[in-house]
Amino acid sequence: MTPHGAVLDACVLVNAAVRDTLLRLAQRGLYTPYWSDEITK
């Protein structure tokens, strides 16, 4: 588990370049992304 976490709001996930960058950083273990079902719908 990484020491840092962040909630990824829908406004961040809409832009493909930003979304891809944030998810790639999470894959590398730099932070743990969190979101709810309401955000991803």
C-alpha atoms as a PDB file:
ATOM      1  CA  MET A   1       0.000   0.000   0.000  1.00  0.00           C
ATOM      2  CA  THR A   2       1.250   3.488  -0.837  1.00  0.00           C
ATOM      3  CA  PRO A   3       1.484   6.185   1.828  1.00  0.00           C
ATOM      4  CA  HIS A   4      -0.683   8.634  -0.149  1.00  0.00           C
ATOM      5  CA  GLY A   5      -4.172   8.423  -1.576  1.00  0.00           C
ATOM      6  CA  ALA A   6      -6.317  10.738  -3.667  1.00  0.00           C
ATOM      7  CA  VAL A   7      -9.964  10.889  -4.698  1.00  0.00           C
ATOM      8  CA  LEU A   8     -10.202  11.233  -8.467  1.00  0.00           C
ATOM      9  CA  ASP A   9     -13.207  13.412  -9.219  1.00  0.00           C
ATOM     10  CA  ALA A  10     -15.075  13.188 -12.521  1.00  0.00           C
ATOM     11  CA  CYS A  11     -13.628  16.504 -13.714  1.00  0.00           C
ATOM     12  CA  VAL A  12     -10.150  14.945 -13.525  1.00  0.00           C
ATOM     13  CA  LEU A  13     -11.186  11.699 -15.223  1.00  0.00           C
ATOM     14  CA  VAL A  14     -12.808  13.386 -18.266  1.00  0.00           C
ATOM     15  CA  ASN A  15      -9.565  14.583 -19.854  1.00  0.00           C
ATOM     16  CA  ALA A  16      -7.906  11.496 -21.375  1.00  0.00           C
ATOM     17  CA  ALA A  17      -4.316  12.751 -21.056  1.00  0.00           C
ATOM     18  CA  VAL A  18      -4.713  13.707 -17.388  1.00  0.00           C
ATOM     19  CA  ARG A  19      -6.610  10.491 -16.599  1.00  0.00           C
ATOM     20  CA  ASP A  20      -3.955   8.323 -18.243  1.00  0.00           C
ATOM     21  CA  THR A  21      -1.147  10.142 -16.457  1.00  0.00           C
ATOM     22  CA  LEU A  22      -2.814   9.835 -13.054  1.00  0.00           C
ATOM     23  CA  LEU A  23      -3.612   6.150 -13.524  1.00  0.00           C
ATOM     24  CA  ARG A  24      -0.074   5.377 -14.751  1.00  0.00           C
ATOM     25  CA  LEU A  25       1.374   7.094 -11.677  1.00  0.00           C
ATOM     26  CA  ALA A  26      -0.933   4.982  -9.520  1.00  0.00           C
ATOM     27  CA  GLN A  27       0.248   1.827 -11.321  1.00  0.00           C
ATOM     28  CA  ARG A  28       3.808   2.759 -10.385  1.00  0.00           C
ATOM     29  CA  GLY A  29       2.753   2.901  -6.740  1.00  0.00           C
ATOM     30  CA  LEU A  30       3.140   6.641  -6.226  1.00  0.00           C
ATOM     31  CA  TYR A  31      -0.358   6.952  -4.753  1.00  0.00           C
ATOM     32  CA  THR A  32      -3.633   5.031  -4.379  1.00  0.00           C
ATOM     33  CA  PRO A  33      -6.558   6.387  -6.413  1.00  0.00           C
ATOM     34  CA  TYR A  34     -10.056   6.303  -4.926  1.00  0.00           C
ATOM     35  CA  TRP A  35     -13.428   7.016  -6.497  1.00  0.00           C
ATOM     36  CA  SER A  36     -17.032   6.133  -5.828  1.00  0.00           C
ATOM     37  CA  ASP A  37     -19.668   4.609  -8.087  1.00  0.00           C
ATOM     38  CA  GLU A  38     -21.317   8.003  -8.329  1.00  0.00           C
ATOM     39  CA  ILE A  39     -18.162   9.583  -9.746  1.00  0.00           C
ATOM     40  CA  THR A  40     -17.557   6.887 -12.365  1.00  0.00           C
ATOM     41  CA  LYS A  41     -21.116   6.794 -13.762  1.00  0.00           C
END
